[in-house]
Amino acid sequence: MLLNESQDALLLFNGERIEFQRLDGQLVFNSESGYWRDKDWLKSRLEIPFECRPLPSPLLSF
């Protein structure tokens, strides 16, 4: 639903850690999260391009 219905989105865990984001149509999964370690699993379920890289939270940068 998120990929089909929204433009920009961000999923936070406990309000601090970004799990994934979609900005300007680019989907990025946080490579530092244990949820997205299996890229083959993600590729088998997603039809849009994505990348995995660290997504530091701006809330923890103070």
PDB file of N, CA and C in Angstrom:
ATOM      1  N   MET A   1       0.820  -1.174   0.000  1.00  0.00           N
ATOM      2  CA  MET A   1       0.000   0.000   0.000  1.00  0.00           C
ATOM      3  C   MET A   1       0.878   1.257   0.000  1.00  0.00           C
ATOM      4  N   LEU A   2       1.917   1.261   0.806  1.00  0.00           N
ATOM      5  CA  LEU A   2       2.795   2.426   0.874  1.00  0.00           C
ATOM      6  C   LEU A   2       3.404   2.738  -0.491  1.00  0.00           C
ATOM      7  N   LEU A   3       3.826   1.722  -1.188  1.00  0.00           N
ATOM      8  CA  LEU A   3       4.486   1.939  -2.465  1.00  0.00           C
ATOM      9  C   LEU A   3       3.518   2.370  -3.552  1.00  0.00           C
ATOM     10  N   ASN A   4       2.284   1.939  -3.460  1.00  0.00           N
ATOM     11  CA  ASN A   4       1.307   2.264  -4.493  1.00  0.00           C
ATOM     12  C   ASN A   4       0.545   3.550  -4.233  1.00  0.00           C
ATOM     13  N   GLU A   5       0.343   3.922  -2.996  1.00  0.00           N
ATOM     14  CA  GLU A   5      -0.537   5.024  -2.649  1.00  0.00           C
ATOM     15  C   GLU A   5       0.164   6.308  -2.227  1.00  0.00           C
ATOM     16  N   SER A   6       1.446   6.268  -1.946  1.00  0.00           N
ATOM     17  CA  SER A   6       2.094   7.461  -1.414  1.00  0.00           C
ATOM     18  C   SER A   6       3.205   7.945  -2.326  1.00  0.00           C
ATOM     19  N   GLN A   7       3.622   9.164  -2.092  1.00  0.00           N
ATOM     20  CA  GLN A   7       4.748   9.745  -2.814  1.00  0.00           C
ATOM     21  C   GLN A   7       6.000   9.629  -1.940  1.00  0.00           C
ATOM     22  N   ASP A   8       6.040  10.402  -0.877  1.00  0.00           N
ATOM     23  CA  ASP A   8       7.158  10.356   0.059  1.00  0.00           C
ATOM     24  C   ASP A   8       6.690   9.716   1.353  1.00  0.00           C
ATOM     25  N   ALA A   9       7.555   8.916   1.964  1.00  0.00           N
ATOM     26  CA  ALA A   9       7.181   8.238   3.196  1.00  0.00           C
ATOM     27  C   ALA A   9       8.437   7.908   3.989  1.00  0.00           C
ATOM     28  N   LEU A  10       8.231   7.667   5.261  1.00  0.00           N
ATOM     29  CA  LEU A  10       9.330   7.337   6.162  1.00  0.00           C
ATOM     30  C   LEU A  10       8.769   6.444   7.254  1.00  0.00           C
ATOM     31  N   LEU A  11       9.427   5.327   7.550  1.00  0.00           N
ATOM     32  CA  LEU A  11       9.010   4.453   8.635  1.00  0.00           C
ATOM     33  C   LEU A  11      10.048   4.548   9.737  1.00  0.00           C
ATOM     34  N   LEU A  12       9.606   5.016  10.900  1.00  0.00           N
ATOM     35  CA  LEU A  12      10.475   5.102  12.066  1.00  0.00           C
ATOM     36  C   LEU A  12      10.142   3.976  13.029  1.00  0.00           C
ATOM     37  N   PHE A  13      11.156   3.430  13.685  1.00  0.00           N
ATOM     38  CA  PHE A  13      10.963   2.424  14.712  1.00  0.00           C
ATOM     39  C   PHE A  13      11.240   3.081  16.050  1.00  0.00           C
ATOM     40  N   ASN A  14      10.292   3.021  16.960  1.00  0.00           N
ATOM     41  CA  ASN A  14      10.404   3.679  18.267  1.00  0.00           C
ATOM     42  C   ASN A  14      10.661   5.171  18.126  1.00  0.00           C
ATOM     43  N   GLY A  15      10.283   5.740  16.996  1.00  0.00           N
ATOM     44  CA  GLY A  15      10.437   7.168  16.787  1.00  0.00           C
ATOM     45  C   GLY A  15      11.870   7.631  16.631  1.00  0.00           C
ATOM     46  N   GLU A  16      12.816   6.729  16.478  1.00  0.00           N
ATOM     47  CA  GLU A  16      14.228   7.105  16.420  1.00  0.00           C
ATOM     48  C   GLU A  16      14.952   6.559  15.196  1.00  0.00           C
ATOM     49  N   ARG A  17      14.792   5.297  14.927  1.00  0.00           N
ATOM     50  CA  ARG A  17      15.567   4.658  13.859  1.00  0.00           C
ATOM     51  C   ARG A  17      14.738   4.577  12.581  1.00  0.00           C
ATOM     52  N   ILE A  18      15.299   5.073  11.495  1.00  0.00           N
ATOM     53  CA  ILE A  18      14.626   4.990  10.202  1.00  0.00           C
ATOM     54  C   ILE A  18      14.804   3.579   9.665  1.00  0.00           C
ATOM     55  N   GLU A  19      13.711   2.911   9.359  1.00  0.00           N
ATOM     56  CA  GLU A  19      13.765   1.567   8.776  1.00  0.00           C
ATOM     57  C   GLU A  19      13.825   1.622   7.255  1.00  0.00           C
ATOM     58  N   PHE A  20      12.995   2.466   6.670  1.00  0.00           N
ATOM     59  CA  PHE A  20      13.091   2.716   5.239  1.00  0.00           C
ATOM     60  C   PHE A  20      12.475   4.067   4.936  1.00  0.00           C
ATOM     61  N   GLN A  21      12.815   4.563   3.766  1.00  0.00           N
ATOM     62  CA  GLN A  21      12.243   5.832   3.340  1.00  0.00           C
ATOM     63  C   GLN A  21      12.025   5.795   1.834  1.00  0.00           C
ATOM     64  N   ARG A  22      11.087   6.598   1.409  1.00  0.00           N
ATOM     65  CA  ARG A  22      10.852   6.794  -0.016  1.00  0.00           C
ATOM     66  C   ARG A  22      10.739   8.298  -0.232  1.00  0.00           C
ATOM     67  N   LEU A  23      11.734   8.848  -0.893  1.00  0.00           N
ATOM     68  CA  LEU A  23      11.769  10.276  -1.175  1.00  0.00           C
ATOM     69  C   LEU A  23      11.988  10.470  -2.666  1.00  0.00           C
ATOM     70  N   ASP A  24      11.154  11.296  -3.275  1.00  0.00           N
ATOM     71  CA  ASP A  24      11.227  11.546  -4.718  1.00  0.00           C
ATOM     72  C   ASP A  24      11.202  10.247  -5.520  1.00  0.00           C
ATOM     73  N   GLY A  25      10.446   9.275  -5.039  1.00  0.00           N
ATOM     74  CA  GLY A  25      10.292   8.007  -5.745  1.00  0.00           C
ATOM     75  C   GLY A  25      11.401   7.004  -5.517  1.00  0.00           C
ATOM     76  N   GLN A  26      12.446   7.378  -4.801  1.00  0.00           N
ATOM     77  CA  GLN A  26      13.561   6.461  -4.543  1.00  0.00           C
ATOM     78  C   GLN A  26      13.345   5.761  -3.207  1.00  0.00           C
ATOM     79  N   LEU A  27      13.290   4.442  -3.241  1.00  0.00           N
ATOM     80  CA  LEU A  27      13.080   3.630  -2.046  1.00  0.00           C
ATOM     81  C   LEU A  27      14.422   3.158  -1.506  1.00  0.00           C
ATOM     82  N   VAL A  28      14.653   3.428  -0.213  1.00  0.00           N
ATOM     83  CA  VAL A  28      15.916   3.057   0.433  1.00  0.00           C
ATOM     84  C   VAL A  28      15.602   2.346   1.738  1.00  0.00           C
ATOM     85  N   PHE A  29      16.206   1.175   1.919  1.00  0.00           N
ATOM     86  CA  PHE A  29      16.100   0.426   3.167  1.00  0.00           C
ATOM     87  C   PHE A  29      17.359   0.666   3.984  1.00  0.00           C
ATOM     88  N   ASN A  30      17.203   0.763   5.292  1.00  0.00           N
ATOM     89  CA  ASN A  30      18.332   0.986   6.182  1.00  0.00           C
ATOM     90  C   ASN A  30      19.159  -0.295   6.289  1.00  0.00           C
ATOM     91  N   SER A  31      20.375  -0.246   5.779  1.00  0.00           N
ATOM     92  CA  SER A  31      21.235  -1.435   5.790  1.00  0.00           C
ATOM     93  C   SER A  31      21.704  -1.803   7.194  1.00  0.00           C
ATOM     94  N   GLU A  32      21.547  -0.890   8.141  1.00  0.00           N
ATOM     95  CA  GLU A  32      21.941  -1.172   9.520  1.00  0.00           C
ATOM     96  C   GLU A  32      20.830  -1.851  10.320  1.00  0.00           C
ATOM     97  N   SER A  33      19.685  -2.042   9.702  1.00  0.00           N
ATOM     98  CA  SER A  33      18.566  -2.715  10.352  1.00  0.00           C
ATOM     99  C   SER A  33      18.636  -4.211  10.088  1.00  0.00           C
ATOM    100  N   GLY A  34      18.293  -4.988  11.062  1.00  0.00           N
ATOM    101  CA  GLY A  34      18.275  -6.440  10.888  1.00  0.00           C
ATOM    102  C   GLY A  34      17.132  -6.937  10.026  1.00  0.00           C
ATOM    103  N   TYR A  35      16.128  -6.088   9.799  1.00  0.00           N
ATOM    104  CA  TYR A  35      14.968  -6.503   9.023  1.00  0.00           C
ATOM    105  C   TYR A  35      15.264  -6.693   7.537  1.00  0.00           C
ATOM    106  N   TRP A  36      16.222  -5.965   7.007  1.00  0.00           N
ATOM    107  CA  TRP A  36      16.420  -5.921   5.554  1.00  0.00           C
ATOM    108  C   TRP A  36      17.734  -6.550   5.125  1.00  0.00           C
ATOM    109  N   ARG A  37      18.235  -7.511   5.841  1.00  0.00           N
ATOM    110  CA  ARG A  37      19.529  -8.133   5.505  1.00  0.00           C
ATOM    111  C   ARG A  37      19.453  -9.006   4.269  1.00  0.00           C
ATOM    112  N   ASP A  38      18.296  -9.552   3.995  1.00  0.00           N
ATOM    113  CA  ASP A  38      18.157 -10.473   2.857  1.00  0.00           C
ATOM    114  C   ASP A  38      17.662  -9.710   1.628  1.00  0.00           C
ATOM    115  N   LYS A  39      18.601  -9.208   0.832  1.00  0.00           N
ATOM    116  CA  LYS A  39      18.225  -8.449  -0.367  1.00  0.00           C
ATOM    117  C   LYS A  39      17.476  -9.313  -1.374  1.00  0.00           C
ATOM    118  N   ASP A  40      17.798 -10.598  -1.444  1.00  0.00           N
ATOM    119  CA  ASP A  40      17.092 -11.481  -2.372  1.00  0.00           C
ATOM    120  C   ASP A  40      15.613 -11.589  -2.011  1.00  0.00           C
ATOM    121  N   TRP A  41      15.315 -11.616  -0.719  1.00  0.00           N
ATOM    122  CA  TRP A  41      13.918 -11.654  -0.271  1.00  0.00           C
ATOM    123  C   TRP A  41      13.203 -10.376  -0.693  1.00  0.00           C
ATOM    124  N   LEU A  42      13.865  -9.227  -0.491  1.00  0.00           N
ATOM    125  CA  LEU A  42      13.272  -7.960  -0.906  1.00  0.00           C
ATOM    126  C   LEU A  42      13.043  -7.927  -2.414  1.00  0.00           C
ATOM    127  N   LYS A  43      14.037  -8.347  -3.181  1.00  0.00           N
ATOM    128  CA  LYS A  43      13.915  -8.334  -4.643  1.00  0.00           C
ATOM    129  C   LYS A  43      12.777  -9.226  -5.120  1.00  0.00           C
ATOM    130  N   SER A  44      12.538 -10.324  -4.420  1.00  0.00           N
ATOM    131  CA  SER A  44      11.478 -11.246  -4.832  1.00  0.00           C
ATOM    132  C   SER A  44      10.082 -10.693  -4.543  1.00  0.00           C
ATOM    133  N   ARG A  45       9.983  -9.665  -3.709  1.00  0.00           N
ATOM    134  CA  ARG A  45       8.682  -9.126  -3.328  1.00  0.00           C
ATOM    135  C   ARG A  45       8.403  -7.722  -3.849  1.00  0.00           C
ATOM    136  N   LEU A  46       9.421  -7.034  -4.318  1.00  0.00           N
ATOM    137  CA  LEU A  46       9.245  -5.661  -4.789  1.00  0.00           C
ATOM    138  C   LEU A  46       9.442  -5.580  -6.295  1.00  0.00           C
ATOM    139  N   GLU A  47       8.618  -4.808  -6.931  1.00  0.00           N
ATOM    140  CA  GLU A  47       8.730  -4.626  -8.372  1.00  0.00           C
ATOM    141  C   GLU A  47       9.398  -3.304  -8.732  1.00  0.00           C
ATOM    142  N   ILE A  48       9.666  -2.472  -7.751  1.00  0.00           N
ATOM    143  CA  ILE A  48      10.306  -1.190  -8.025  1.00  0.00           C
ATOM    144  C   ILE A  48      11.756  -1.245  -7.571  1.00  0.00           C
ATOM    145  N   PRO A  49      12.614  -0.441  -8.180  1.00  0.00           N
ATOM    146  CA  PRO A  49      14.022  -0.421  -7.765  1.00  0.00           C
ATOM    147  C   PRO A  49      14.172   0.115  -6.336  1.00  0.00           C
ATOM    148  N   PHE A  50      15.181  -0.383  -5.654  1.00  0.00           N
ATOM    149  CA  PHE A  50      15.477   0.075  -4.300  1.00  0.00           C
ATOM    150  C   PHE A  50      16.961  -0.076  -4.051  1.00  0.00           C
ATOM    151  N   GLU A  51      17.413   0.533  -2.986  1.00  0.00           N
ATOM    152  CA  GLU A  51      18.787   0.338  -2.553  1.00  0.00           C
ATOM    153  C   GLU A  51      18.811   0.166  -1.043  1.00  0.00           C
ATOM    154  N   CYS A  52      19.906  -0.362  -0.547  1.00  0.00           N
ATOM    155  CA  CYS A  52      20.116  -0.516   0.887  1.00  0.00           C
ATOM    156  C   CYS A  52      21.377   0.261   1.258  1.00  0.00           C
ATOM    157  N   ARG A  53      21.237   1.152   2.240  1.00  0.00           N
ATOM    158  CA  ARG A  53      22.373   1.924   2.737  1.00  0.00           C
ATOM    159  C   ARG A  53      22.016   2.427   4.131  1.00  0.00           C
ATOM    160  N   PRO A  54      23.005   2.870   4.896  1.00  0.00           N
ATOM    161  CA  PRO A  54      22.710   3.400   6.229  1.00  0.00           C
ATOM    162  C   PRO A  54      21.811   4.638   6.125  1.00  0.00           C
ATOM    163  N   LEU A  55      20.843   4.710   7.027  1.00  0.00           N
ATOM    164  CA  LEU A  55      19.944   5.858   7.112  1.00  0.00           C
ATOM    165  C   LEU A  55      19.974   6.383   8.549  1.00  0.00           C
ATOM    166  N   PRO A  56      20.934   7.251   8.841  1.00  0.00           N
ATOM    167  CA  PRO A  56      21.010   7.783  10.199  1.00  0.00           C
ATOM    168  C   PRO A  56      19.827   8.689  10.505  1.00  0.00           C
ATOM    169  N   SER A  57      19.327   8.596  11.710  1.00  0.00           N
ATOM    170  CA  SER A  57      18.189   9.403  12.109  1.00  0.00           C
ATOM    171  C   SER A  57      18.613  10.818  12.438  1.00  0.00           C
ATOM    172  N   PRO A  58      17.941  11.819  11.871  1.00  0.00           N
ATOM    173  CA  PRO A  58      18.253  13.196  12.245  1.00  0.00           C
ATOM    174  C   PRO A  58      17.883  13.491  13.696  1.00  0.00           C
ATOM    175  N   LEU A  59      17.038  12.679  14.292  1.00  0.00           N
ATOM    176  CA  LEU A  59      16.642  12.875  15.684  1.00  0.00           C
ATOM    177  C   LEU A  59      17.758  12.510  16.661  1.00  0.00           C
ATOM    178  N   LEU A  60      18.702  11.694  16.211  1.00  0.00           N
ATOM    179  CA  LEU A  60      19.795  11.256  17.074  1.00  0.00           C
ATOM    180  C   LEU A  60      21.086  12.027  16.806  1.00  0.00           C
ATOM    181  N   SER A  61      21.010  13.059  15.998  1.00  0.00           N
ATOM    182  CA  SER A  61      22.214  13.803  15.584  1.00  0.00           C
ATOM    183  C   SER A  61      22.522  14.988  16.479  1.00  0.00           C
ATOM    184  N   PHE A  62      21.822  15.169  17.542  1.00  0.00           N
ATOM    185  CA  PHE A  62      22.041  16.342  18.387  1.00  0.00           C
ATOM    186  C   PHE A  62      23.239  16.195  19.265  1.00  0.00           C
TER     187      PHE A  62
END
